[in-house]
Amino acid sequence: MYQQITLIGNLGNDPEMRYTPSGVPVTTFNVAVNRRWTSQDGQQQDKTIWFRVTAWRKTAELASQYLTKGRQVLVVGEVEEARAYIDRDGNPRGSLEVTANNIKFIGGRGDSAMPASAPAGGQAEHAEASDEDIPF
């Protein structure tokens, strides 16, 4: 069995890196994916879906080093179990959890997005991280 999700969105917070007891780096951050459409009555509609992304090892280190709140990113990964929580207003909500297999940094804060296939050219603005060794 196999499943994969591809997200293009903006970071809602700076990444938080920590280490497991055995010293493996792990970084988490939130990605907002926006959807816009026109309803039947001609009104513009917007919806934002939040994903909580976890990256491991070298991918975690690069994400922590180069990503910042507001940055546009492409994440390819696997969907984990959804997590229930209560928001600030007391409403029940759910968070979609994603384990990143590949992250492409496709735009800086306020920058226009570069194509995901743009060459890295040694610059942090278009760096790529990949980690196939997810520890579970």
Protein backbone atom coordinates (compact mmCIF):
# COMPACT_ATOMS: atom_id res chain seq x y z
CA MET A 1 0.00 0.00 0.00
CA TYR A 2 1.14 3.52 -0.69
CA GLN A 3 -0.17 7.04 -0.29
CA GLN A 4 1.41 10.43 -0.94
CA ILE A 5 0.36 14.05 -0.57
CA THR A 6 1.80 17.11 -2.31
CA LEU A 7 1.27 20.52 -0.70
CA ILE A 8 2.16 24.01 -1.89
CA GLY A 9 1.55 26.63 0.74
CA ASN A 10 3.01 29.13 3.15
CA LEU A 11 4.54 28.51 6.56
CA GLY A 12 2.33 29.71 9.39
CA ASN A 13 5.18 29.70 11.90
CA ASP A 14 8.95 29.43 12.09
CA PRO A 15 10.06 25.78 12.16
CA GLU A 16 10.82 24.25 15.56
CA MET A 17 13.74 21.82 15.61
CA ARG A 18 14.47 19.42 18.45
CA TYR A 19 16.32 16.14 18.88
CA THR A 20 15.04 12.71 19.83
CA PRO A 21 16.69 11.07 22.88
CA SER A 22 18.96 9.18 20.44
CA GLY A 23 20.05 12.46 18.80
CA VAL A 24 17.98 12.39 15.59
CA PRO A 25 16.94 15.90 14.45
CA VAL A 26 13.21 16.47 13.93
CA THR A 27 11.58 19.72 12.78
CA THR A 28 7.90 20.64 12.78
CA PHE A 29 6.06 23.53 11.13
CA ASN A 30 2.57 24.43 9.92
CA VAL A 31 1.70 24.98 6.25
CA ALA A 32 -1.40 26.87 5.11
CA VAL A 33 -2.80 25.78 1.74
CA ASN A 34 -5.27 28.26 0.28
CA ARG A 35 -8.06 27.42 -2.14
CA ARG A 36 -10.03 30.07 -4.04
CA TRP A 37 -13.08 29.55 -6.21
CA THR A 38 -16.17 31.34 -7.49
CA SER A 39 -19.49 30.18 -6.08
CA GLN A 40 -22.63 29.67 -8.18
CA ASP A 41 -23.77 33.20 -7.30
CA GLY A 42 -20.49 34.67 -8.61
CA GLN A 43 -18.95 35.41 -5.19
CA GLN A 44 -15.25 34.73 -4.57
CA GLN A 45 -14.80 32.07 -1.89
CA ASP A 46 -11.62 31.29 0.05
CA LYS A 47 -10.71 28.36 2.26
CA THR A 48 -7.47 27.68 4.12
CA ILE A 49 -6.48 24.19 5.22
CA TRP A 50 -3.65 23.80 7.74
CA PHE A 51 -1.20 20.92 7.73
CA ARG A 52 1.30 20.11 10.49
CA VAL A 53 4.51 18.91 8.80
CA THR A 54 7.26 16.86 10.46
CA ALA A 55 10.68 16.45 8.84
CA TRP A 56 13.47 14.15 10.00
CA ARG A 57 17.29 14.05 9.87
CA LYS A 58 18.99 16.18 7.16
CA THR A 59 15.61 17.37 5.87
CA ALA A 60 14.82 18.59 9.41
CA GLU A 61 18.12 20.45 9.64
CA LEU A 62 17.68 22.18 6.25
CA ALA A 63 14.06 23.11 6.98
CA SER A 64 15.06 24.60 10.33
CA GLN A 65 17.93 26.52 8.77
CA TYR A 66 16.20 27.98 5.69
CA LEU A 67 12.44 28.15 6.33
CA THR A 68 10.73 31.04 8.09
CA LYS A 69 7.15 32.10 8.74
CA GLY A 70 5.44 33.22 5.52
CA ARG A 71 7.84 31.33 3.23
CA GLN A 72 6.30 29.43 0.32
CA VAL A 73 7.19 25.74 0.25
CA LEU A 74 6.36 22.54 -1.61
CA VAL A 75 6.10 19.45 0.61
CA VAL A 76 5.76 15.87 -0.62
CA GLY A 77 5.04 13.38 2.12
CA GLU A 78 2.73 10.89 3.75
CA VAL A 79 -0.43 11.70 5.67
CA GLU A 80 -0.41 10.45 9.25
CA GLU A 81 -3.34 10.24 11.65
CA ALA A 82 -5.37 13.42 12.09
CA ARG A 83 -5.07 15.10 15.49
CA ALA A 84 -8.07 16.65 17.26
CA TYR A 85 -7.70 19.86 19.27
CA ILE A 86 -9.72 22.79 20.64
CA ASP A 87 -9.04 26.22 19.12
CA ARG A 88 -8.74 29.53 21.02
CA ASP A 89 -12.50 30.08 20.78
CA GLY A 90 -13.29 26.65 22.25
CA ASN A 91 -14.28 25.07 18.92
CA PRO A 92 -13.24 21.49 18.11
CA ARG A 93 -10.81 21.33 15.19
CA GLY A 94 -8.59 18.80 13.46
CA SER A 95 -5.00 19.01 12.27
CA LEU A 96 -3.77 17.00 9.31
CA GLU A 97 -0.36 15.55 10.10
CA VAL A 98 2.17 15.02 7.29
CA THR A 99 5.61 13.41 7.44
CA ALA A 100 7.78 15.11 4.81
CA ASN A 101 9.79 12.97 2.42
CA ASN A 102 10.82 15.92 0.24
CA ILE A 103 10.73 19.69 0.74
CA LYS A 104 11.39 22.32 -1.94
CA PHE A 105 11.82 25.92 -0.91
CA ILE A 106 10.04 27.69 -3.78
CA GLY A 107 9.80 31.26 -2.60
CA GLY A 108 10.89 33.66 0.10
CA ARG A 109 8.60 35.73 2.21
CA GLY A 110 7.01 38.25 -0.14
CA ASP A 111 8.90 36.85 -3.14
CA SER A 112 7.12 35.64 -6.21
CA ALA A 113 7.28 31.87 -6.31
CA MET A 114 9.99 30.21 -8.32
CA PRO A 115 9.14 27.00 -10.18
CA ALA A 116 9.70 23.92 -8.05
CA SER A 117 12.07 22.62 -10.72
CA ALA A 118 14.32 25.68 -10.58
CA PRO A 119 18.00 24.72 -10.14
CA ALA A 120 19.41 25.29 -6.67
CA GLY A 121 22.45 27.15 -7.95
CA GLY A 122 23.96 26.89 -4.47
CA GLN A 123 21.52 29.47 -3.11
CA ALA A 124 19.35 28.93 -0.06
CA GLU A 125 16.37 30.55 -1.81
CA HIS A 126 15.82 27.44 -3.94
CA ALA A 127 17.34 24.65 -1.85
CA GLU A 128 15.87 21.17 -1.71
CA ALA A 129 15.80 18.64 1.10
CA SER A 130 14.98 14.95 0.89
CA ASP A 131 15.11 12.16 3.41
CA GLU A 132 14.00 8.62 2.61
CA ASP A 133 14.88 7.18 6.05
CA ILE A 134 11.80 7.97 8.13
CA PRO A 135 12.26 6.16 11.47
CA PHE A 136 8.93 4.30 11.63
